[in-house]
Structures are given as structure tokens and as C-alpha cells.
């Protein structure tokens, strides 16, 4: 049986593999130096945005493989900064609602400053820009759902079965994002009532849903970063937008269906007070 540490900000059991093996280890190495220098987390967020702007300049020349590689490396540097700002905020005691929104806005801006140059570099850039805007709308909804599902899983792991109200940041755009996130993923569902009625089922819920929640990392910014580079190296940046509009949307729907089915299976156990939770079978076990 797995043990789930509900006290950490990003539980490894649901984390993106590229974060575990690459991004977070690098950020961890940079954290002590950033603390010694007294760097503010928001400065790190803006440094990440700077990496994104430079990546966009590289992707403007996507026909050149070296430019694509440089763009990919700069976007990976942004991911490191994106991981570092949160770690630094928590370690320095400077975490705030305002800083969280700045972090989120910088994240979205990186994709804007990378993908607009790509669209403008194409012959029929008007059509490419329309495709990019449609893709961006899909991106926003997919990301809100992805983050919402992760936040809901983490709060349940802490034994919280009601929606958590975030402290206001004073930035109006946050209200819209939070509304989308809460209605798509992080809101209260039937599984919350089931776990509230039978807290003993929590471990079964965590074990049975954690692989699915981790699988949602296909919707993460990390995955999109790699697909942008792959599409350019394949000779057509439009492949990325097609993937985001059609591929990721279909995957999100299928993953949502599987997750709800898994939740329903756990919820059914709560219907009988004397129900016995069957053991979880692991591959090879």
C-alpha cells in the first residue's frame, strides 16, 4: 500500500515525470543560491518570462533546427524558473495570492510570446493566427481543468472534502480563471460526499485515482513545450495547434470519463456501511 504525503505542495505520486526527473532537481539546486541572494520569487517569475521571450525569438526561425533546439532549451529554462519561484516563495515565507497570479500570468504569457512569432512566420499568417487563437482557447480550458483536478485530489488527500476558497489577489482576471477551474475540476463532487461519509475510503480513493491524475500530465505545460519543438522539427508548426485543439481535447474528455468512473467505483463502496474495501491490485503483484 502506498503512503501519500498530503503536506507537500506537489506530491510526487501525481507529478509530471519530466518535473520529477529534470525540472525540479535543477530548481532544487538553484534554490539555496536564490535564498542567499535574497531574490524575490516574482523576479524569478519574470526571469522565466524573459526566457520565454527569447524562446519566441528563436522559434521565429523554426525552419532552422538549431533555432528550434535553442527555443526548446530556453523554454525548459522557463520551466525551471517556474518551479523555482514557488519553491523560493515557500522557503522564504514570501508566498502570496498576488505572487501566485503573477506566476500564472507569466506562464500563459510564455506561450503567447512563443506562438505568436511562430504564427507570423508562416506564409498564410492570418489563418495561422486564427488557428493559434483557437488553440489558445483550448489550452486555457484544458489547463484550468487539469489544475483543478490536481487541486481537488490534493485537498482530498489532506482530508478536505469541500471547496477551498483562495485568498483574493486583487487582480480581476483571477476571478474568471478560478470560476473556470472550480466548475471544471476542483469543485465538490459526489466523491467528496462519499469520502466525508466514510473517511476510511480515502486511502482506496488515493491509490485508485493517483495513476489517472498523474496521467493528466499529458495536458501539462511541459508536454506542450516538447510538442512545439517536435512540430517545428517535423516541418509544420501547425501540427502543434492541431494537437492542442483536437488531440488534447479528446484526451481530456477520455481521461475525465475514466477518472469519474474510478471515483464512482470508490463512491459505491460508501453506500453500504459494512462494505469492505477490496485490496488494490498492482501490476506484477
C-alpha atoms as a PDB file:
ATOM      1  CA  UNK A   1       0.000   0.000   0.000  1.00  0.00           C
ATOM      2  CA  UNK A   2       1.295   3.421  -0.928  1.00  0.00           C
ATOM      3  CA  UNK A   3       1.702   6.246   1.550  1.00  0.00           C
ATOM      4  CA  UNK A   4       0.563   9.666   0.416  1.00  0.00           C
ATOM      5  CA  UNK A   5       2.189  12.741   1.941  1.00  0.00           C
ATOM      6  CA  UNK A   6      -0.562  15.351   1.911  1.00  0.00           C
ATOM      7  CA  UNK A   7       1.702  18.061   3.341  1.00  0.00           C
ATOM      8  CA  UNK A   8       3.839  18.665   0.242  1.00  0.00           C
ATOM      9  CA  UNK A   9       2.830  21.209  -2.379  1.00  0.00           C
ATOM     10  CA  UNK A  10       3.395  18.861  -5.321  1.00  0.00           C
ATOM     11  CA  UNK A  11       3.023  15.171  -4.352  1.00  0.00           C
ATOM     12  CA  UNK A  12       5.393  13.028  -6.398  1.00  0.00           C
ATOM     13  CA  UNK A  13       2.741  10.384  -6.971  1.00  0.00           C
ATOM     14  CA  UNK A  14       0.768  12.710  -9.269  1.00  0.00           C
ATOM     15  CA  UNK A  15       3.664  14.791 -10.605  1.00  0.00           C
ATOM     16  CA  UNK A  16       4.724  15.080 -14.227  1.00  0.00           C
ATOM     17  CA  UNK A  17       7.708  12.724 -14.804  1.00  0.00           C
ATOM     18  CA  UNK A  18       9.701  15.472 -16.527  1.00  0.00           C
ATOM     19  CA  UNK A  19       9.298  17.603 -13.411  1.00  0.00           C
ATOM     20  CA  UNK A  20      10.470  14.773 -11.175  1.00  0.00           C
ATOM     21  CA  UNK A  21      13.491  13.826 -13.241  1.00  0.00           C
ATOM     22  CA  UNK A  22      14.606  17.119 -14.764  1.00  0.00           C
ATOM     23  CA  UNK A  23      12.895  20.390 -13.870  1.00  0.00           C
ATOM     24  CA  UNK A  24      12.543  20.129 -10.101  1.00  0.00           C
ATOM     25  CA  UNK A  25      16.037  18.683  -9.456  1.00  0.00           C
ATOM     26  CA  UNK A  26      17.571  21.666 -11.269  1.00  0.00           C
ATOM     27  CA  UNK A  27      15.305  24.103  -9.396  1.00  0.00           C
ATOM     28  CA  UNK A  28      16.281  22.455  -6.094  1.00  0.00           C
ATOM     29  CA  UNK A  29      19.955  23.055  -6.869  1.00  0.00           C
ATOM     30  CA  UNK A  30      19.295  26.722  -7.610  1.00  0.00           C
ATOM     31  CA  UNK A  31      17.148  27.315  -4.521  1.00  0.00           C
ATOM     32  CA  UNK A  32      19.933  27.730  -1.896  1.00  0.00           C
ATOM     33  CA  UNK A  33      21.711  30.346  -4.004  1.00  0.00           C
ATOM     34  CA  UNK A  34      18.481  32.238  -4.635  1.00  0.00           C
ATOM     35  CA  UNK A  35      17.785  32.282  -0.905  1.00  0.00           C
ATOM     36  CA  UNK A  36      21.285  33.550  -0.091  1.00  0.00           C
ATOM     37  CA  UNK A  37      20.940  36.344  -2.638  1.00  0.00           C
ATOM     38  CA  UNK A  38      17.520  37.321  -1.317  1.00  0.00           C
ATOM     39  CA  UNK A  39      15.907  37.137  -4.765  1.00  0.00           C
ATOM     40  CA  UNK A  40      12.173  37.778  -4.705  1.00  0.00           C
ATOM     41  CA  UNK A  41      10.017  34.981  -6.175  1.00  0.00           C
ATOM     42  CA  UNK A  42       8.297  37.429  -8.533  1.00  0.00           C
ATOM     43  CA  UNK A  43      11.699  38.311 -10.011  1.00  0.00           C
ATOM     44  CA  UNK A  44      12.171  34.629 -10.806  1.00  0.00           C
ATOM     45  CA  UNK A  45       8.731  34.531 -12.443  1.00  0.00           C
ATOM     46  CA  UNK A  46       9.648  37.469 -14.671  1.00  0.00           C
ATOM     47  CA  UNK A  47      13.024  35.874 -15.439  1.00  0.00           C
ATOM     48  CA  UNK A  48      11.111  32.852 -16.681  1.00  0.00           C
ATOM     49  CA  UNK A  49       9.016  35.132 -18.884  1.00  0.00           C
ATOM     50  CA  UNK A  50      12.273  36.566 -20.241  1.00  0.00           C
ATOM     51  CA  UNK A  51      13.357  33.053 -21.204  1.00  0.00           C
ATOM     52  CA  UNK A  52      10.031  32.661 -22.997  1.00  0.00           C
ATOM     53  CA  UNK A  53      10.551  35.889 -24.956  1.00  0.00           C
ATOM     54  CA  UNK A  54      13.982  34.687 -26.075  1.00  0.00           C
ATOM     55  CA  UNK A  55      12.466  31.311 -26.993  1.00  0.00           C
ATOM     56  CA  UNK A  56       9.917  33.127 -29.152  1.00  0.00           C
ATOM     57  CA  UNK A  57      12.733  34.928 -30.962  1.00  0.00           C
ATOM     58  CA  UNK A  58      14.324  31.559 -31.684  1.00  0.00           C
ATOM     59  CA  UNK A  59      11.099  29.934 -32.848  1.00  0.00           C
ATOM     60  CA  UNK A  60      10.616  32.818 -35.275  1.00  0.00           C
ATOM     61  CA  UNK A  61      13.288  30.933 -37.253  1.00  0.00           C
ATOM     62  CA  UNK A  62      11.749  27.489 -36.766  1.00  0.00           C
ATOM     63  CA  UNK A  63      12.959  26.320 -40.188  1.00  0.00           C
ATOM     64  CA  UNK A  64      16.462  26.126 -38.693  1.00  0.00           C
ATOM     65  CA  UNK A  65      16.892  23.064 -36.417  1.00  0.00           C
ATOM     66  CA  UNK A  66      19.445  24.822 -34.184  1.00  0.00           C
ATOM     67  CA  UNK A  67      16.969  27.646 -33.577  1.00  0.00           C
ATOM     68  CA  UNK A  68      14.329  25.090 -32.557  1.00  0.00           C
ATOM     69  CA  UNK A  69      16.751  23.391 -30.154  1.00  0.00           C
ATOM     70  CA  UNK A  70      17.652  26.771 -28.666  1.00  0.00           C
ATOM     71  CA  UNK A  71      13.966  27.598 -28.303  1.00  0.00           C
ATOM     72  CA  UNK A  72      13.316  24.277 -26.572  1.00  0.00           C
ATOM     73  CA  UNK A  73      16.206  24.797 -24.142  1.00  0.00           C
ATOM     74  CA  UNK A  74      15.005  28.312 -23.327  1.00  0.00           C
ATOM     75  CA  UNK A  75      11.503  27.028 -22.648  1.00  0.00           C
ATOM     76  CA  UNK A  76      12.957  24.340 -20.384  1.00  0.00           C
ATOM     77  CA  UNK A  77      14.809  27.132 -18.580  1.00  0.00           C
ATOM     78  CA  UNK A  78      11.432  28.817 -18.132  1.00  0.00           C
ATOM     79  CA  UNK A  79      10.063  25.618 -16.596  1.00  0.00           C
ATOM     80  CA  UNK A  80      12.962  25.618 -14.147  1.00  0.00           C
ATOM     81  CA  UNK A  81      12.195  29.235 -13.212  1.00  0.00           C
ATOM     82  CA  UNK A  82       8.523  28.314 -12.915  1.00  0.00           C
ATOM     83  CA  UNK A  83       9.399  25.585 -10.452  1.00  0.00           C
ATOM     84  CA  UNK A  84      11.918  27.723  -8.605  1.00  0.00           C
ATOM     85  CA  UNK A  85       9.616  30.688  -7.941  1.00  0.00           C
ATOM     86  CA  UNK A  86       7.153  28.538  -5.986  1.00  0.00           C
ATOM     87  CA  UNK A  87       9.881  26.775  -4.029  1.00  0.00           C
ATOM     88  CA  UNK A  88      11.503  30.121  -3.266  1.00  0.00           C
ATOM     89  CA  UNK A  89       8.198  31.677  -2.190  1.00  0.00           C
ATOM     90  CA  UNK A  90       7.537  28.872   0.285  1.00  0.00           C
ATOM     91  CA  UNK A  91      11.108  28.688   1.577  1.00  0.00           C
ATOM     92  CA  UNK A  92      11.405  32.469   2.068  1.00  0.00           C
ATOM     93  CA  UNK A  93       7.942  32.952   3.515  1.00  0.00           C
ATOM     94  CA  UNK A  94       7.007  35.269   0.626  1.00  0.00           C
ATOM     95  CA  UNK A  95       4.185  33.189  -0.797  1.00  0.00           C
ATOM     96  CA  UNK A  96       1.136  35.324  -1.581  1.00  0.00           C
ATOM     97  CA  UNK A  97      -2.052  35.316  -3.620  1.00  0.00           C
ATOM     98  CA  UNK A  98      -0.643  38.136  -5.743  1.00  0.00           C
ATOM     99  CA  UNK A  99       2.545  36.171  -6.437  1.00  0.00           C
ATOM    100  CA  UNK A 100       0.519  33.112  -7.438  1.00  0.00           C
ATOM    101  CA  UNK A 101      -1.379  35.156 -10.008  1.00  0.00           C
ATOM    102  CA  UNK A 102       1.850  36.732 -11.322  1.00  0.00           C
ATOM    103  CA  UNK A 103       3.267  33.226 -11.709  1.00  0.00           C
ATOM    104  CA  UNK A 104       0.186  32.065 -13.610  1.00  0.00           C
ATOM    105  CA  UNK A 105       0.103  35.112 -15.882  1.00  0.00           C
ATOM    106  CA  UNK A 106       3.784  34.702 -16.737  1.00  0.00           C
ATOM    107  CA  UNK A 107       3.128  31.071 -17.609  1.00  0.00           C
ATOM    108  CA  UNK A 108       0.398  31.972 -20.088  1.00  0.00           C
ATOM    109  CA  UNK A 109       2.445  34.847 -21.486  1.00  0.00           C
ATOM    110  CA  UNK A 110       5.307  32.477 -22.314  1.00  0.00           C
ATOM    111  CA  UNK A 111       3.110  30.516 -24.701  1.00  0.00           C
ATOM    112  CA  UNK A 112       1.806  33.747 -26.224  1.00  0.00           C
ATOM    113  CA  UNK A 113       5.291  35.173 -26.879  1.00  0.00           C
ATOM    114  CA  UNK A 114       6.412  31.837 -28.347  1.00  0.00           C
ATOM    115  CA  UNK A 115       3.418  31.004 -30.525  1.00  0.00           C
ATOM    116  CA  UNK A 116       2.676  34.433 -31.985  1.00  0.00           C
ATOM    117  CA  UNK A 117       6.113  34.621 -33.688  1.00  0.00           C
ATOM    118  CA  UNK A 118       5.504  31.114 -34.999  1.00  0.00           C
ATOM    119  CA  UNK A 119       2.150  32.113 -36.496  1.00  0.00           C
ATOM    120  CA  UNK A 120       3.564  35.307 -38.013  1.00  0.00           C
ATOM    121  CA  UNK A 121       6.402  33.365 -39.617  1.00  0.00           C
ATOM    122  CA  UNK A 122       4.027  31.317 -41.773  1.00  0.00           C
ATOM    123  CA  UNK A 123       3.018  32.319 -45.301  1.00  0.00           C
ATOM    124  CA  UNK A 124      -0.725  32.497 -44.617  1.00  0.00           C
ATOM    125  CA  UNK A 125      -0.241  34.085 -41.215  1.00  0.00           C
ATOM    126  CA  UNK A 126      -3.842  35.300 -40.919  1.00  0.00           C
ATOM    127  CA  UNK A 127      -5.144  31.736 -40.991  1.00  0.00           C
ATOM    128  CA  UNK A 128      -2.291  30.606 -38.750  1.00  0.00           C
ATOM    129  CA  UNK A 129      -3.142  33.308 -36.218  1.00  0.00           C
ATOM    130  CA  UNK A 130      -6.801  32.225 -36.168  1.00  0.00           C
ATOM    131  CA  UNK A 131      -5.645  28.655 -35.600  1.00  0.00           C
ATOM    132  CA  UNK A 132      -3.323  29.796 -32.811  1.00  0.00           C
ATOM    133  CA  UNK A 133      -6.102  31.768 -31.091  1.00  0.00           C
ATOM    134  CA  UNK A 134      -8.459  28.773 -31.243  1.00  0.00           C
ATOM    135  CA  UNK A 135      -5.674  26.596 -29.884  1.00  0.00           C
ATOM    136  CA  UNK A 136      -5.018  29.102 -27.103  1.00  0.00           C
ATOM    137  CA  UNK A 137      -8.653  29.000 -26.021  1.00  0.00           C
ATOM    138  CA  UNK A 138      -8.487  25.195 -25.856  1.00  0.00           C
ATOM    139  CA  UNK A 139      -5.225  25.497 -23.917  1.00  0.00           C
ATOM    140  CA  UNK A 140      -6.822  27.764 -21.314  1.00  0.00           C
ATOM    141  CA  UNK A 141      -9.775  25.438 -20.707  1.00  0.00           C
ATOM    142  CA  UNK A 142      -7.631  22.298 -20.706  1.00  0.00           C
ATOM    143  CA  UNK A 143      -5.148  23.805 -18.248  1.00  0.00           C
ATOM    144  CA  UNK A 144      -7.896  25.063 -15.919  1.00  0.00           C
ATOM    145  CA  UNK A 145      -9.416  21.578 -15.827  1.00  0.00           C
ATOM    146  CA  UNK A 146      -6.025  19.912 -15.362  1.00  0.00           C
ATOM    147  CA  UNK A 147      -5.032  22.163 -12.479  1.00  0.00           C
ATOM    148  CA  UNK A 148      -8.489  21.879 -10.962  1.00  0.00           C
ATOM    149  CA  UNK A 149      -8.367  18.083 -10.914  1.00  0.00           C
ATOM    150  CA  UNK A 150      -4.924  18.134  -9.315  1.00  0.00           C
ATOM    151  CA  UNK A 151      -6.004  20.650  -6.669  1.00  0.00           C
ATOM    152  CA  UNK A 152      -9.124  18.621  -5.889  1.00  0.00           C
ATOM    153  CA  UNK A 153      -7.051  15.442  -5.494  1.00  0.00           C
ATOM    154  CA  UNK A 154      -4.567  17.214  -3.202  1.00  0.00           C
ATOM    155  CA  UNK A 155      -7.238  18.717  -0.949  1.00  0.00           C
ATOM    156  CA  UNK A 156      -8.915  15.308  -0.603  1.00  0.00           C
ATOM    157  CA  UNK A 157      -5.533  13.839   0.306  1.00  0.00           C
ATOM    158  CA  UNK A 158      -5.481  16.385   3.162  1.00  0.00           C
ATOM    159  CA  UNK A 159      -8.912  15.240   4.276  1.00  0.00           C
ATOM    160  CA  UNK A 160     -10.724  18.306   2.926  1.00  0.00           C
ATOM    161  CA  UNK A 161     -13.953  17.461   1.099  1.00  0.00           C
ATOM    162  CA  UNK A 162     -15.248  20.972   0.455  1.00  0.00           C
ATOM    163  CA  UNK A 163     -14.134  23.655  -1.971  1.00  0.00           C
ATOM    164  CA  UNK A 164     -11.294  25.753  -0.588  1.00  0.00           C
ATOM    165  CA  UNK A 165     -11.644  29.492  -1.114  1.00  0.00           C
ATOM    166  CA  UNK A 166      -8.398  31.098  -2.197  1.00  0.00           C
ATOM    167  CA  UNK A 167      -7.438  34.444  -0.676  1.00  0.00           C
ATOM    168  CA  UNK A 168      -8.155  37.300  -3.106  1.00  0.00           C
ATOM    169  CA  UNK A 169      -5.191  38.692  -5.003  1.00  0.00           C
ATOM    170  CA  UNK A 170      -6.758  41.965  -6.089  1.00  0.00           C
ATOM    171  CA  UNK A 171      -6.376  41.078  -9.780  1.00  0.00           C
ATOM    172  CA  UNK A 172      -9.743  40.847 -11.533  1.00  0.00           C
ATOM    173  CA  UNK A 173      -8.658  38.302 -14.163  1.00  0.00           C
ATOM    174  CA  UNK A 174      -8.087  35.734 -11.421  1.00  0.00           C
ATOM    175  CA  UNK A 175     -11.808  35.549 -10.642  1.00  0.00           C
ATOM    176  CA  UNK A 176     -12.574  34.318 -14.148  1.00  0.00           C
ATOM    177  CA  UNK A 177      -9.818  31.708 -14.071  1.00  0.00           C
ATOM    178  CA  UNK A 178     -10.888  30.453 -10.631  1.00  0.00           C
ATOM    179  CA  UNK A 179     -14.502  30.185 -11.831  1.00  0.00           C
ATOM    180  CA  UNK A 180     -13.488  28.029 -14.793  1.00  0.00           C
ATOM    181  CA  UNK A 181     -11.190  25.896 -12.655  1.00  0.00           C
ATOM    182  CA  UNK A 182     -13.807  25.300  -9.947  1.00  0.00           C
ATOM    183  CA  UNK A 183     -16.542  24.410 -12.423  1.00  0.00           C
ATOM    184  CA  UNK A 184     -14.333  22.098 -14.466  1.00  0.00           C
ATOM    185  CA  UNK A 185     -12.200  20.284 -11.924  1.00  0.00           C
ATOM    186  CA  UNK A 186     -11.727  21.481  -8.379  1.00  0.00           C
ATOM    187  CA  UNK A 187     -15.363  21.800  -7.311  1.00  0.00           C
ATOM    188  CA  UNK A 188     -17.149  19.476  -4.916  1.00  0.00           C
ATOM    189  CA  UNK A 189     -18.471  16.260  -6.478  1.00  0.00           C
ATOM    190  CA  UNK A 190     -20.207  13.088  -5.335  1.00  0.00           C
ATOM    191  CA  UNK A 191     -16.871  11.550  -4.343  1.00  0.00           C
ATOM    192  CA  UNK A 192     -16.424  14.295  -1.731  1.00  0.00           C
ATOM    193  CA  UNK A 193     -19.716  13.377  -0.061  1.00  0.00           C
ATOM    194  CA  UNK A 194     -18.749   9.698  -0.162  1.00  0.00           C
ATOM    195  CA  UNK A 195     -15.349  10.317   1.422  1.00  0.00           C
ATOM    196  CA  UNK A 196     -16.871  12.629   4.023  1.00  0.00           C
ATOM    197  CA  UNK A 197     -19.336   9.902   4.977  1.00  0.00           C
ATOM    198  CA  UNK A 198     -16.658   7.197   5.063  1.00  0.00           C
ATOM    199  CA  UNK A 199     -13.167   8.671   5.599  1.00  0.00           C
ATOM    200  CA  UNK A 200     -11.767   5.120   5.709  1.00  0.00           C
ATOM    201  CA  UNK A 201     -12.194   5.015   1.947  1.00  0.00           C
ATOM    202  CA  UNK A 202      -9.718   7.843   1.414  1.00  0.00           C
ATOM    203  CA  UNK A 203      -6.708   5.571   1.022  1.00  0.00           C
ATOM    204  CA  UNK A 204      -8.543   3.487  -1.575  1.00  0.00           C
ATOM    205  CA  UNK A 205      -9.534   6.649  -3.432  1.00  0.00           C
ATOM    206  CA  UNK A 206      -5.962   7.958  -3.457  1.00  0.00           C
ATOM    207  CA  UNK A 207      -4.494   4.668  -4.636  1.00  0.00           C
ATOM    208  CA  UNK A 208      -7.038   4.123  -7.376  1.00  0.00           C
ATOM    209  CA  UNK A 209      -7.060   7.630  -8.786  1.00  0.00           C
ATOM    210  CA  UNK A 210      -3.421   8.732  -8.424  1.00  0.00           C
ATOM    211  CA  UNK A 211      -2.268   6.950 -11.647  1.00  0.00           C
ATOM    212  CA  UNK A 212      -5.053   8.683 -13.572  1.00  0.00           C
ATOM    213  CA  UNK A 213      -4.312  12.099 -12.085  1.00  0.00           C
ATOM    214  CA  UNK A 214      -0.647  11.626 -12.887  1.00  0.00           C
ATOM    215  CA  UNK A 215      -1.636  10.700 -16.427  1.00  0.00           C
ATOM    216  CA  UNK A 216      -3.231  14.121 -16.771  1.00  0.00           C
ATOM    217  CA  UNK A 217       0.319  15.469 -17.132  1.00  0.00           C
ATOM    218  CA  UNK A 218      -0.231  14.972 -20.868  1.00  0.00           C
ATOM    219  CA  UNK A 219      -2.072  18.287 -20.528  1.00  0.00           C
ATOM    220  CA  UNK A 220       0.781  19.977 -18.690  1.00  0.00           C
ATOM    221  CA  UNK A 221       2.852  22.865 -19.998  1.00  0.00           C
ATOM    222  CA  UNK A 222       5.851  20.511 -20.099  1.00  0.00           C
ATOM    223  CA  UNK A 223       4.179  18.267 -22.659  1.00  0.00           C
ATOM    224  CA  UNK A 224       3.192  21.257 -24.787  1.00  0.00           C
ATOM    225  CA  UNK A 225       6.770  22.562 -24.712  1.00  0.00           C
ATOM    226  CA  UNK A 226       8.098  19.347 -26.225  1.00  0.00           C
ATOM    227  CA  UNK A 227       5.310  19.102 -28.805  1.00  0.00           C
ATOM    228  CA  UNK A 228       6.033  22.627 -30.081  1.00  0.00           C
ATOM    229  CA  UNK A 229       9.631  21.622 -30.793  1.00  0.00           C
ATOM    230  CA  UNK A 230       8.593  18.300 -32.347  1.00  0.00           C
ATOM    231  CA  UNK A 231       6.090  20.018 -34.646  1.00  0.00           C
ATOM    232  CA  UNK A 232       8.714  22.507 -35.820  1.00  0.00           C
ATOM    233  CA  UNK A 233      11.323  19.823 -36.398  1.00  0.00           C
ATOM    234  CA  UNK A 234       8.677  17.849 -38.316  1.00  0.00           C
ATOM    235  CA  UNK A 235       8.382  20.818 -40.685  1.00  0.00           C
ATOM    236  CA  UNK A 236       4.977  22.267 -39.766  1.00  0.00           C
ATOM    237  CA  UNK A 237       4.253  24.278 -36.574  1.00  0.00           C
ATOM    238  CA  UNK A 238       0.546  23.833 -37.293  1.00  0.00           C
ATOM    239  CA  UNK A 239       0.872  20.253 -36.046  1.00  0.00           C
ATOM    240  CA  UNK A 240       1.137  21.676 -32.525  1.00  0.00           C
ATOM    241  CA  UNK A 241      -2.088  23.626 -32.819  1.00  0.00           C
ATOM    242  CA  UNK A 242      -3.924  20.635 -34.319  1.00  0.00           C
ATOM    243  CA  UNK A 243      -2.654  18.516 -31.448  1.00  0.00           C
ATOM    244  CA  UNK A 244      -3.846  21.034 -28.872  1.00  0.00           C
ATOM    245  CA  UNK A 245      -7.271  21.572 -30.441  1.00  0.00           C
ATOM    246  CA  UNK A 246      -8.148  18.004 -31.371  1.00  0.00           C
ATOM    247  CA  UNK A 247      -5.706  15.606 -29.709  1.00  0.00           C
ATOM    248  CA  UNK A 248      -5.554  17.099 -26.231  1.00  0.00           C
ATOM    249  CA  UNK A 249      -9.268  17.918 -26.177  1.00  0.00           C
ATOM    250  CA  UNK A 250     -10.147  14.307 -26.979  1.00  0.00           C
ATOM    251  CA  UNK A 251      -7.614  13.014 -24.462  1.00  0.00           C
ATOM    252  CA  UNK A 252      -9.012  15.322 -21.771  1.00  0.00           C
ATOM    253  CA  UNK A 253     -12.542  14.036 -22.375  1.00  0.00           C
ATOM    254  CA  UNK A 254     -11.428  10.406 -22.252  1.00  0.00           C
ATOM    255  CA  UNK A 255      -9.339  10.939 -19.115  1.00  0.00           C
ATOM    256  CA  UNK A 256     -12.216  12.776 -17.422  1.00  0.00           C
ATOM    257  CA  UNK A 257     -14.515   9.837 -18.187  1.00  0.00           C
ATOM    258  CA  UNK A 258     -12.048   7.321 -16.745  1.00  0.00           C
ATOM    259  CA  UNK A 259     -11.477   9.424 -13.645  1.00  0.00           C
ATOM    260  CA  UNK A 260     -15.214   9.774 -12.996  1.00  0.00           C
ATOM    261  CA  UNK A 261     -15.670   6.038 -13.429  1.00  0.00           C
ATOM    262  CA  UNK A 262     -12.900   5.352 -10.927  1.00  0.00           C
ATOM    263  CA  UNK A 263     -14.414   7.841  -8.469  1.00  0.00           C
ATOM    264  CA  UNK A 264     -17.824   6.227  -8.890  1.00  0.00           C
ATOM    265  CA  UNK A 265     -16.340   2.849  -8.068  1.00  0.00           C
ATOM    266  CA  UNK A 266     -14.981   4.182  -4.788  1.00  0.00           C
ATOM    267  CA  UNK A 267     -18.218   6.043  -4.019  1.00  0.00           C
ATOM    268  CA  UNK A 268     -20.219   2.831  -4.410  1.00  0.00           C
ATOM    269  CA  UNK A 269     -18.254   1.359  -1.528  1.00  0.00           C
ATOM    270  CA  UNK A 270     -19.668   4.046   0.738  1.00  0.00           C
ATOM    271  CA  UNK A 271     -23.251   3.046   0.060  1.00  0.00           C
ATOM    272  CA  UNK A 272     -23.067   0.089   2.437  1.00  0.00           C
ATOM    273  CA  UNK A 273     -21.907   0.803   5.970  1.00  0.00           C
ATOM    274  CA  UNK A 274     -20.430  -2.676   6.257  1.00  0.00           C
ATOM    275  CA  UNK A 275     -18.759  -2.585   2.862  1.00  0.00           C
ATOM    276  CA  UNK A 276     -15.259  -3.965   2.830  1.00  0.00           C
ATOM    277  CA  UNK A 277     -12.721  -2.160   0.696  1.00  0.00           C
ATOM    278  CA  UNK A 278     -11.099  -4.777  -1.541  1.00  0.00           C
ATOM    279  CA  UNK A 279      -7.320  -4.613  -1.869  1.00  0.00           C
ATOM    280  CA  UNK A 280      -5.794  -2.701  -4.740  1.00  0.00           C
ATOM    281  CA  UNK A 281      -4.036  -4.957  -7.223  1.00  0.00           C
ATOM    282  CA  UNK A 282      -0.765  -3.644  -8.542  1.00  0.00           C
ATOM    283  CA  UNK A 283       0.848  -4.765 -11.761  1.00  0.00           C
ATOM    284  CA  UNK A 284       3.091  -7.713 -11.162  1.00  0.00           C
ATOM    285  CA  UNK A 285       1.763  -8.141  -7.624  1.00  0.00           C
END
